[in-house]
Amino acid sequence: MKIVIEFFTYWHCGSGVSGGSRVDALVAKDDRGLPYIPGKTLKGHIREMAESLDDCKFLNTCFGGTADENEPCYKREDKEKEGVCYFSNAILREDIDEELSSYLYKTISSTKIDNKGLAENKSLREIEVTVPLKLYATIDNCPDEYKENMKKALSQVKRIGLNRNRGLGRCEIYLEEKSYD
């Protein structure tokens, strides 16, 4: 399954690295300096939506779960089995020139405001964000009987990354065949 992640707002999928004194959190970048979403992160966002479908067999087969089908769907134990689906990293198209990388990032700032409406000392935070764009990924080995459920789970993902509840990362995920004519 080839999928597209279309962002409508700035987004931040963190690298876990700070930019020193300049920026508190940097975006995850590939070897070319271009933004991407790790497959593990993508899988987690889609799995969260798949849980709402209330189909344990789909969830356990595609994403992993308990080896014992008699146990509750979301119970985690040592006997957890791996899911059959493989989620690739979500990347920009291969033909995107890495020289564009300087135009893909912005820095946004935030600070904590106290109950008097004043900024608290030493609360200024800056994070690097990526401009709205489209990323592409694949989901391999999805059994045919679960492709409809996977499409439903994809369509329910509305935000990805840091500060989703503060307006960042608004997106839509769909199969690559969809067009916006």
Protein backbone atom coordinates (compact mmCIF):
# COMPACT_ATOMS: atom_id res chain seq x y z
CA MET A 1 0.00 0.00 0.00
CA LYS A 2 1.52 3.31 -1.08
CA ILE A 3 0.38 6.17 1.12
CA VAL A 4 0.62 9.95 1.11
CA ILE A 5 0.81 12.09 4.24
CA GLU A 6 -0.28 15.60 3.35
CA PHE A 7 0.42 18.24 6.00
CA PHE A 8 -1.71 21.38 6.14
CA THR A 9 0.15 23.13 8.97
CA TYR A 10 3.68 23.32 10.33
CA TRP A 11 4.71 20.02 11.91
CA HIS A 12 7.47 18.68 14.11
CA CYS A 13 8.56 15.06 14.19
CA GLY A 14 11.45 15.25 16.61
CA SER A 15 14.95 13.91 16.30
CA GLY A 16 15.57 13.97 20.04
CA VAL A 17 18.40 16.44 19.42
CA SER A 18 18.52 20.09 20.42
CA GLY A 19 20.07 22.87 18.41
CA GLY A 20 22.13 24.06 21.37
CA SER A 21 21.37 27.57 22.58
CA ARG A 22 19.44 28.40 19.39
CA VAL A 23 16.66 25.80 19.26
CA ASP A 24 15.37 23.40 21.92
CA ALA A 25 14.20 20.66 19.52
CA LEU A 26 15.20 19.84 15.94
CA VAL A 27 13.19 18.00 13.29
CA ALA A 28 14.22 14.47 12.28
CA LYS A 29 16.22 14.69 9.03
CA ASP A 30 17.54 12.07 6.64
CA ASP A 31 21.07 11.89 5.21
CA ARG A 32 20.19 14.61 2.67
CA GLY A 33 19.00 17.00 5.40
CA LEU A 34 15.35 16.52 4.43
CA PRO A 35 12.52 15.91 6.92
CA TYR A 36 11.03 12.45 7.39
CA ILE A 37 8.80 10.49 9.74
CA PRO A 38 10.30 7.25 11.07
CA GLY A 39 8.26 4.18 10.17
CA LYS A 40 7.93 3.30 13.85
CA THR A 41 6.32 6.68 14.57
CA LEU A 42 3.99 6.35 11.60
CA LYS A 43 2.99 2.84 12.71
CA GLY A 44 2.21 4.14 16.21
CA HIS A 45 -0.10 6.89 14.94
CA ILE A 46 -1.93 4.50 12.64
CA ARG A 47 -2.16 1.81 15.32
CA GLU A 48 -3.77 4.32 17.70
CA MET A 49 -6.56 4.86 15.16
CA ALA A 50 -6.77 1.13 14.37
CA GLU A 51 -7.57 0.46 18.03
CA SER A 52 -10.81 2.43 17.62
CA LEU A 53 -12.00 -0.06 14.97
CA ASP A 54 -12.41 -2.67 17.73
CA ASP A 55 -11.11 -5.55 15.57
CA CYS A 56 -8.57 -7.45 17.66
CA LYS A 57 -7.66 -9.89 14.92
CA PHE A 58 -6.79 -6.99 12.55
CA LEU A 59 -4.88 -5.16 15.26
CA ASN A 60 -2.90 -8.19 16.43
CA THR A 61 -2.18 -9.44 12.91
CA CYS A 62 -1.12 -6.15 11.31
CA PHE A 63 0.42 -4.26 14.24
CA GLY A 64 1.29 -7.00 16.70
CA GLY A 65 -0.34 -8.06 19.92
CA THR A 66 -0.82 -10.99 22.18
CA ALA A 67 0.10 -14.46 20.91
CA ASP A 68 -2.90 -15.91 22.76
CA GLU A 69 -6.11 -15.04 20.91
CA ASN A 70 -8.10 -15.66 24.13
CA GLU A 71 -6.44 -12.75 25.94
CA PRO A 72 -7.80 -9.18 25.77
CA CYS A 73 -6.91 -7.33 22.59
CA TYR A 74 -4.67 -4.67 24.14
CA LYS A 75 -3.05 -6.74 26.88
CA ARG A 76 0.74 -6.58 26.70
CA GLU A 77 2.85 -9.45 28.00
CA ASP A 78 6.11 -11.26 27.26
CA LYS A 79 4.36 -13.45 24.71
CA GLU A 80 3.51 -10.53 22.44
CA LYS A 81 3.89 -11.34 18.76
CA GLU A 82 5.13 -9.08 16.01
CA GLY A 83 2.72 -7.68 13.42
CA VAL A 84 3.04 -8.76 9.79
CA CYS A 85 2.86 -5.24 8.32
CA TYR A 86 6.02 -3.24 7.70
CA PHE A 87 5.78 0.57 7.76
CA SER A 88 8.51 2.38 5.84
CA ASN A 89 9.82 5.81 6.77
CA ALA A 90 7.70 8.60 5.27
CA ILE A 91 9.95 10.66 3.01
CA LEU A 92 9.80 13.40 0.41
CA ARG A 93 9.78 12.32 -3.23
CA GLU A 94 13.19 11.14 -4.37
CA ASP A 95 13.38 13.88 -7.02
CA ILE A 96 13.26 16.67 -4.42
CA ASP A 97 16.56 18.53 -4.50
CA GLU A 98 18.33 18.63 -1.15
CA GLU A 99 19.28 22.25 -1.88
CA LEU A 100 15.66 23.10 -1.00
CA SER A 101 16.24 22.02 2.60
CA SER A 102 16.93 25.56 3.84
CA TYR A 103 13.39 26.55 2.75
CA LEU A 104 11.65 23.64 4.48
CA TYR A 105 12.19 24.69 8.10
CA LYS A 106 11.05 27.52 10.35
CA THR A 107 11.61 28.20 14.03
CA ILE A 108 8.64 28.93 16.26
CA SER A 109 8.77 30.23 19.82
CA SER A 110 6.54 29.81 22.82
CA THR A 111 6.68 30.91 26.43
CA LYS A 112 4.75 30.22 29.60
CA ILE A 113 2.38 32.99 30.67
CA ASP A 114 1.61 33.37 34.36
CA ASN A 115 -1.80 34.21 35.84
CA LYS A 116 -1.01 37.95 35.57
CA GLY A 117 -0.50 37.63 31.81
CA LEU A 118 3.28 38.04 32.00
CA ALA A 119 5.91 35.73 30.54
CA GLU A 120 7.64 33.61 33.17
CA ASN A 121 11.41 33.95 33.39
CA LYS A 122 13.45 31.32 31.54
CA SER A 123 10.36 29.79 29.92
CA LEU A 124 11.08 30.76 26.30
CA ARG A 125 11.25 27.65 24.10
CA GLU A 126 11.99 27.45 20.41
CA ILE A 127 11.41 24.44 18.18
CA GLU A 128 12.22 23.79 14.58
CA VAL A 129 9.17 22.94 12.47
CA THR A 130 8.71 21.80 8.89
CA VAL A 131 6.52 23.70 6.44
CA PRO A 132 3.39 21.96 5.11
CA LEU A 133 4.28 19.40 2.43
CA LYS A 134 3.62 15.82 1.30
CA LEU A 135 5.54 12.75 2.41
CA TYR A 136 5.31 9.27 0.93
CA ALA A 137 5.53 5.87 2.61
CA THR A 138 4.56 2.26 2.09
CA ILE A 139 2.84 -0.36 4.19
CA ASP A 140 4.11 -3.75 3.08
CA ASN A 141 2.61 -7.19 3.76
CA CYS A 142 -0.87 -6.00 4.66
CA PRO A 143 -3.14 -9.06 4.22
CA ASP A 144 -5.90 -8.48 1.66
CA GLU A 145 -8.65 -9.13 4.21
CA TYR A 146 -7.38 -6.21 6.34
CA LYS A 147 -6.77 -3.57 3.64
CA GLU A 148 -10.18 -1.93 4.19
CA ASN A 149 -9.56 -1.66 7.93
CA MET A 150 -6.09 -0.25 7.25
CA LYS A 151 -7.62 2.40 4.93
CA LYS A 152 -10.12 3.32 7.67
CA ALA A 153 -7.33 3.65 10.24
CA LEU A 154 -5.29 5.81 7.83
CA SER A 155 -8.23 8.12 7.21
CA GLN A 156 -8.70 8.69 10.94
CA VAL A 157 -5.19 10.06 11.54
CA LYS A 158 -5.63 13.83 11.65
CA ARG A 159 -2.42 15.00 13.34
CA ILE A 160 1.17 13.74 13.60
CA GLY A 161 4.10 14.85 15.74
CA LEU A 162 4.76 17.25 18.59
CA ASN A 163 2.17 19.76 19.88
CA ARG A 164 -0.74 18.18 18.04
CA ASN A 165 -3.12 19.75 20.55
CA ARG A 166 -1.63 23.18 19.87
CA GLY A 167 -2.22 23.34 16.15
CA LEU A 168 0.85 21.61 14.75
CA GLY A 169 0.87 18.55 12.52
CA ARG A 170 -2.64 18.71 10.99
CA CYS A 171 -2.63 16.23 8.14
CA GLU A 172 -4.47 13.70 6.03
CA ILE A 173 -3.21 10.22 5.15
CA TYR A 174 -4.55 8.51 2.07
CA LEU A 175 -3.63 5.97 -0.58
CA GLU A 176 -1.44 7.42 -3.33
CA GLU A 177 -4.11 6.78 -5.98
CA LYS A 178 -6.36 9.53 -4.53
CA SER A 179 -6.31 12.76 -6.49
CA TYR A 180 -7.49 16.31 -5.73
CA ASP A 181 -8.73 17.49 -9.13
